[in-house]
Structures are given as C-alpha cells and as structure tokens.
C-alpha cells in the first residue's frame, strides 16, 4: 500500500469493529477508507474483480431492477476487453492462452459482442495452426483447464457453462485432430458430454421454468427414496400375498414415472444417442417396472390360437424363472437405484460440496497469530463487510447503492490496462469455491464470535448453527468423520457454536495437512540405505517368529509321524494335513527371513563405511559448539533453577567453579557454600550440565537430555510418587526415547534419520573433497592430467544444482587421496580461523565452494519435498470432481478395482525402488546423481527440529507445569509477599517453541489449575484452616515451597483429602437434584466387575465403610457409580483416597498428617524440583543449539531471514 493508504489503515480497522452504526453510513465509510487505503496499490485490481463478482451475483436477483444487470454487463465487458488485450500480447509458447481465448470468445458471444468474439476466435485459430506438436506442457494446460471448468458450477450460469464447454471442447477437438493425441480426444469427448448435460438442463428450465425444473428433480429424488424403502421391504421383510401385491403396484407406479421421466429427458436431449448410452444403465434399466415381470399370467391355457398359446407358455416359463430369481433381481435393482440416488444427491448438494480445498498454497502456516493484521487482509475484510451489509439491507435501500457501485466499477475497469494474474492466467472470476487450506486453518483458528458478523450475514450464521446442532445430535454425533466435528460442551449463542465448529474443521484440516507434511518432511533425510534398512527390518520382524514356530511345529509333527509310523492313520493325517504344510509354510517364511537379513546387512554395510568415515574425521567433536555458549547457558540455568534463592550471577559463578572442579579434579577451586544441601544441589546441576555437553549436535550421541527426562531418579520421584503414573503416561514416555522406538513415527525416527543423514552426507563430502582436491603446493607439482581432472571436478561442483549428490563411492582399499585436510568439522561448524587456514592451503575459491556444499547439504536435510510447486490440480481436493470422475454413473462398482490397481502400482513402484537401491549399493557408479530439490525456508527446519527435539521439551514443560507453581507464574510462598507474574515462564517457553493454540491449551489448563490451587492453598493457610509447621526460620521459603508443591501436585492426595468433605457436601445435592439422563454403562460396569474379581464396587465400599461419609439415597449412589465409569477424575481420586483413611479419622486430619510427613523431607522435595527445572532448562538450550547451528550452517541469513528466532532464548 502507499503511504497515504497506510495512514488510513487504523481507521479501516476501527470501522471493521463498528457493529452498532447505521448500515448505509457504515458501507459508505468503509468504501471510502478502503479506496483511500488501496489507491494506486497492487490490490485495487483484485478488489475490483471481487466487487464485479458480487455485483454479478446480485444482478441475478429478480427483485432488483434490470438496470443493475445492464450496468454489471457493461463492467464485465470492459474487464473482458482488458483480459483479451492481455491474452493477445502473450508469447507464442504460452499454451494456456489457447484455452483462455476460448473462454473469452464464449463470454463475448454471451454478451453479444461480435467484434471481440471474432478477434478471440481468429487469434485462437492462428495459434492452433502454429501448434506443430503436442508436448507435456500443452497436455498439462489442457488438463488444468478441464479441472477448472468441471467444478465451476457456482461461478457461471447454465448459458455461460454451455458456451464455455463448447468453445473449450472445440479447442480440444482441433488439437486432437492435428495430433491424434488420445488424452486430448478424451478431454474433447468429456467436454462435449458435459455440454450436452448442461444444455439438457437449460432446455428443462425453458420448458418447466426454473422453479418447475427444481420441483421436477426434487420429486424424482423423493420417489427414489420411496423406492429404496420399498425394495428394502421386499428383500428383508416377508409379507403375505395381498401386501406384496400392493408393494409391487407401488413399485411399478413409481417405476412408470421414472420411465416417463427418462423418455421426457431423452426427447429434450441435444444428442439423444450419446445421452441414451450414457444414462440407460443407471436411469432406465432399474426404472423398468420389474414388478410386472414377476406377475404370473393366469389362463394361458384358454388362449385360442396355437401361436399365441406357445408365446404365452414361453412367457409364463420366463415369468416363473424370474419369480425364482426375484431376490437377486431385487438386489440388483436396489444397487442400480442407489447409484442413481447418489448421483442425484451429489447434484442436489453440489453447491455445498463443490469446493476446491487447495493445499500447500504456502510453504508453512504462520507460526503464531500476528500482533497486527496486514493491510491487504484489512482491505479484503472491509470489502467483505460491505457486501455482507449490502446483502442484509432491504432491496429498496440496497438498489441505489448497488447501481452507484456498478457505475463506479465500470469507470475504474475502463481505465485499467491489465488485470492481476494467478498461476499464469488472468483472473476474471474470483471463485468462492477455492478454500486455501492454510488460510482456512489460520482464519478459523483465530476468528472470534464477535467478529463473525463481519464475514457472514445473519441468515448464514443461523443456517450454519442449524447444521452444527444437527451434527451434535445424539445419533449423528457418533457417525464417522462427524464425531471429530462435535462440540464437547454446550454454547450459549449461535456465534459461539459456529466459531467452535469452525475451529474443529480447522483442526481436522490441519491434521490431514500434517500427515502430508510428515511425508514431505522425510525428503532429504531418508536415503536409500535407510529405506532398505526399514523395509528389511519390517520383513525380519514379520517373518522371524512364524518361520521359527512353523518349522518347529512341522518338525515335531514329522518326528511324531516317524515314531508312530507313516502307515498309521495318525501318521498319514499328520503327513497330509499338518507336518508337510507347516514345513512348507515355515520354509517360505524362512526364505523371507533370509532375504530380510541379507537386505539389512547390505543396507548396514553401505552406510557403515560412511558413518565410520565421518566418526574418524571428528564428527562427534561438534559437541565443542555447545561449550561456546557456556557462560550464557549457565546464567540461563541458574536463573531458572535457583529462582529466589540466590542472585543469578552468583549462582552462575558457583556453577562455573563447580564445572572447573569436575573437569580438573582440583578441589582447591571449589566454591565455599556453607550449606551442605545447597552445595549438593550445585554439584548435581553442574553434573547435569556436563552430561548435557557430552552429546554432539546432529550426532546420534545427542540423547542426553532425553535420557535425563526418562531415567533421572528425581524425575521418576515426581512422576511416580508426586503425580502417579498411569499406563497411558508410561506409553507416552516410551515414545519419547531417541534410542529405540517405532519404525515410522515419533521423535526416534526423525532423530535417527537426521543424524544418520548428517553422518552419511558429511562423510560423502569429506570423501569427495579429500579424494579430488589438492593443496596449492600439490597443484604446482601435479601433472597436467591431474590438474585437468581437478579443474573438471571443480567445474562440476560449481555448476551443480541445489540438489545434493545422492550416491558416491565409499573410500576404497587401494585408493589414493590427494589430501586428508578436510574434516567433518569443516562442514558442520562455523570456525573462521579454520576457514582462513583452509583458504591459505587451498585458495579462497575452493573454500567458498566447500561452504556452498555445506549449505546445500544442510538445506536439503532440513528442507522438504516441494509440495507447493506441484500443479494446483494435484494439490486440490474436490468431492464433486472426484465423484464425477471416479464414482458417478455406476463407476462406483469399479472403485475396488481402481484402488486395487493403485495398490499394486504402489507395490510395484516400491519393489522397483528397492531393486534400484540395491543396485546403487552394489554398483555406486550406476546411481542417479541428483534428486528432487528440497530447499525451503528456515520455518521448515524449525519444524524438523521440533519433530525430533520438541516432544521431549513438551513433556518436560508438561511435567513442570503440573508441579511447579513458579513455572505457572504463581508465588511459591505466602509469607514473603510475592505476587503473580504478568508473563509466566511457561508462556515464554510456549512462544519459544512457536506452539499453536491447540497445543497451548493443555499446558495453559495445567497452569491455570496450578494458579487456582496456589490461591486456594495460600488462602486456607493464611486463614488458619491449614497449618504448616516451619521447624527452622532459615528454611521457611523452602518449607513453604515444599508445602505449596505438595498441594498443587496433590501429592499423597493431600489436596483431595483436605477438600473431600466439602467436595462431597457440594456434590451430593447436585446429583440428587440432577434430572438429566446419563448412560448407565452396563457393559463397561460388567467388565469392571469382572476385572476387580467380582468384588463390591468401590463406590459402595466408600459409601458404606469409609469414615465420616454422610448417608445418601439410592439415587445419589447410582449417579456416583455412573460418574465413576464415565471416568470422573475428581470422584475417582476422592473415593480411592477416602477409602485409605484409617477408621476414626477425618479426611482433613489424614491430610494434615500426610503433609507433615512430606514436610519432614523438604530437602528431597527441593532437590527433585531443582532437577526437574534443570532438565527442562537444558531441553530448552538443546533446541536453541540446534536452531542456531542449522541456521548458521544453512546460510539462511543470505535469504534475508532473521536470526532472532534461531538465537533467542525464552
């Protein structure tokens, strides 16, 4: 936008928030502010096209005067003329202009503009005549044009659609006639058939009227549903003869209507023969009155003529034969009717289903909600708000405004010399069908209920609200796909329900998008040996156990047969049916097992040579990179671990001294602390940091933080004793391991793939550079052939594209390397002194080339498969298009064959890929030298780092948010006057990880719960309800911290028991007066009863035997059981804790006793909490180190990216 436009942006933003102003005045103010903000800018033309499309839709309203339609036609003609001038100026090799000229001719013919239509036809014919050959680009342009035309039902009227299909079909036919191309001939046939169908619909509307045609189709659909019911009844429910006859009569009557409908459409069809062949099977065949076929013909023997008698006897025989086949024929008719019914339903709801979900319009979704919306979005939101307000105005008020806007639009379009282009084509129709998934995820996730009125008219909001309530209905909410869109709780207003529904749609879209990104992110990190190793591992796992067991059992049975004798009956049975089959099957499994082990050994041998090369060239010394940040890291850890106990600089200094003692073994430098417990904590934190430094980034040894998270005894105390670990928690923790894990998902896969790729690719670079490069001194002494070979190799390296070398021969046993100067650290670290040394030895040009190879390797490993560069048609999902192409007109019966073909094609491609990998490993010289370019922005590298290191950090954050009140922003003590933090450490860590809202919600819930519990505990303590005994005033802060942590974490059910009686006193009346019906869960209760050994229900034991439980009625008892089986956490924890209270004690007294026991070990509580804080802080540093190293090695700064995200700490 211009400077003046930018100055208008704040007022435009304020106008968008105005909801109580006069609509007409607000429309005028929004228009003026928008035009002022976009005047002279690149967005003005796109806004004009959006305005033109809105006026076209409003001009179809018969309640508006005809002059609006005339004004809109004038504006559209001017826009078409601008677009024609652009098309005529396009270069000769642009194939898309052929189809654009066809579309323009169709539009001009509809507007009765003969001159421009003739110009478009002449230019189109000239370009077709100069088209000498059909290449892939022309086929691609033709396919893309058909994709757009096949799903633009909403954007064009029937007349426009017929004209467009006929003109584009003429281009297809002309090109096919010149070249004989089968694909173009198929597209021409599809365009002709589509034009026939639209022209038939147009004739129906002319004969019956628009409303009559709609009633005609609705009647057919309703009768089709009746036929479904009738056929189902005939198949499933037997009836007596009278009822069956009435069912047959009803069936025959409806089928007669269908036959008449078919004949009526056939009479109106433009090309009757083609239309008949395409629709007879699905529309005519099931509609024939089959009921009349099954009616027996009485009195056939009374016929007079012999010929008639023979004919009638043959007919009776056929009728009796069909009578026996009635069930089969009924099922066949039902299936055919279903095909026709689904086609009718898709056509009926095409306006809803005909949406293009376009994926990967952006490389990445914005990492977080922007603080300020950009000016372009504000302008388009303002235009959308104007259109919404105009739609809601009465016709009398809206008509003059629409006419004025049409005149102004025509003036602006007449002054334009060009229109914006999208994907190489001029845009005239701003399609409302396109749903860019990334934009939808962003907007649906950020929209608020108060803003909904700026996007949708009130009637659309209410219509969506009705849809949401239907989806949340008791039976509908459990249907497949719809269950993921249901709301977990009730909302008060339609706006809230619609916004919640939109967010769930965004989550569903994001889930499917993430699955595609999971596959795309494997690009660059999955090498041939890795793929071979994973496939071989899967083969070994699948065949090892069956092979051993089958051979074992087969051998045993053979031995039994030998003992009993082969001639015995048992021996013969075992030989025929047991022993021999088991041996054969076991042998087959043994073959697969041997194949898998051979492939695994082959893959390991291929990668081991490169891994060993990178290791001996100091790959693991990249851990030195971590030591460069030691001072700042220690300050960061000290601030987080010793918060409130010691100044940050003093704690960091003591940690530095402890590190020096551990490294040198010289105890004279040990800091004098005076407190043995605090000194032990300092030593423990220093050892944790030394253990953290031991892992090298981008190396398989860098698993130290995850090891501490999973196996540190202090953290196990927190998980097992403080919080209580469930089976689901243990399963989630196992999935975090970076040493072992799943073959295809989880952080283990990403870490192992990336670490192995870095090792192998670095070894390739080390091998290549040492194999081919020579120092300056060596070059002076080299022969002419050696210098020529070096120059040729350097030329190849300079001319290489962005894709890295896929395969190169490993170091050979008799190979001579010209130098051994290049090490792994030269490609995995940034060391200016080392680069200067290499420049002196080899020359600065050679060093720049090595740096380029280093950057290329990192950008490929941390890049992605370029899905955003795929053709739009391959990135678009449209349900109507898929149905029409694959399932309509009975093609649904061939869908299993289609998917089977896809499966076998994928299987064949997999086998071919494995064979190619094996050949490349055995004969590296035959390998492909390049691969698909995967260069991507730093946000993709962030996503990959998050995939391998983020889950561990998230688990540490989750654990700390559950027990550490200071991490949630709450004070840990109540006597020092500390207050709640404005921004908690948790919020800063979530910003550091760039978490999305759905990922932040569970962590924020834990933080909110912790703050609420801190307020609850501190209030009770200050009021004297809970007494905390402080044994030593010097340990007051530590004691209060331990007590607060115990209450927040509900350690030993302290909080549950303190509140147990108050909780039940509030719960019992609620359950007694609750009139809502909840499921009884009888099946679940039966399995639970069996699971506890047929013992009494815990709720019964609690209500009958626990101390100080007030008596309750049967209603409350039953509802408590239902809550137990629903999984109510508060009730389950309270019942279990209350049952453990000794007899004669109140729950609160037991809670005080347990809290006193906890406070007798304050030192252990502070120790374990400090270990958790240290491990979580080191996990943050681990992610930061990866970000900074990858950013520097990948050269992202040269692309203009900011390094703040790579270097910053929370």
Foldseek 3Di string as FASTA:
>chain_A
DDPQLVVLLVVLVVLLLDDPDDLVVSLVVLVVNLCRNCPPHPCPQVLLLVLLLLLCVVCVPVVFDVVSVVLSLLLLVLLLVLQLVVLVPDDLPDLLSLLVLLLSLLSCVVSVNVVSNVVSVVVNVVSLVVPQADDPNNLVSLVVSLVVLVQQPPRDDLSSSLSSLVSSLVSLVSNCVNYVDPSSVVSSVVSVVVSQVSVLLVVVCVVLNPVRSVVVLVVLLVLLVVLLVLLCCVQPPDDDPVVVVVSLVSLLVSLVVLQVVVVVSLVSGPDNVVVCVLPCQLRPVLSHSCSVLQDADPPLVVDDDPVSSVVNVVSNVSNVVVNVVVNVVSVVSSVSSVQVNVVSVCVVCSVPQSAKAFECLDVDQPLEDDPDDDSSVSSVLSSLLSSLSLVPDDSVVNNVVSSVVSVVSSVVSNPDNHHDDDPRHGDNNPDPRYDHLSVLLRPLQPDDLSSVSSRHHPVVLVVLLVVLVVLQPPPNCPDPPSVLQHDPDDDDDSSVSNSSSSNSVSVVSVVVSVVVQLQFLCFQLQALLLVLQLVLVVLQVVLVVLLVVLCVQLVVLQVVLVVVDCPDPSSVCCVPPNNVVSNVVSVVSVVSNVVSVVSNVLSCVLLVLLLVLQVVLPQFVLLVVVVVCLLVLLLLLQCQQCPPPDDSVVLSVQLVLLLVCVVPVDCVSHDDDPDPLVSVLSNVLSVLVVQCSNGHPLALRNQSLLCCCLDPVLNVCLDPFLFNDDPVNVVLSVLLHLVDHDSRAGLVNLSVSRSSSLSNLLSVLLCVCQAQAAWPVVLVVDDPVSVVSNVVVVVCLVPDDLFAFNFDDRDDPPGDGNHNLDGSCLLQDDDVVSLVVVCNTGNNVVSVSSLSNSLSSLQRSLFTQPPVPDPSVVSIDRPSVCCVVQPHSNNVVCVVVVVVVVVVVVVVVVVVSSVLSSCCSVPVVPHDTGDHDGGDALVSSLVSLCRNLVSSLLVLLQSCLQQQLQQLQQDLADPPPDGGDPAHVSNQVCVLSSDYPVSCVVSNVSSVLLNVQLVVVSVCDVVPVADQDDPDPVCRSLLSNLLSRSRSSCRLVLVLLQCVVVVCVVVQVCQVPDPDDDDQPPVLVVVVCVVVPVDDDLLVCQQPPFPPRDHHDPSSSSVLVVCVSVPPPSSVSNSVSRVPDDPPDRSNVVSNVVSVVSSVPSSSSSSSSSSSSSSSSSSQVSSLSSLQSSCVSNVSVVVVDDCCSNNDGD
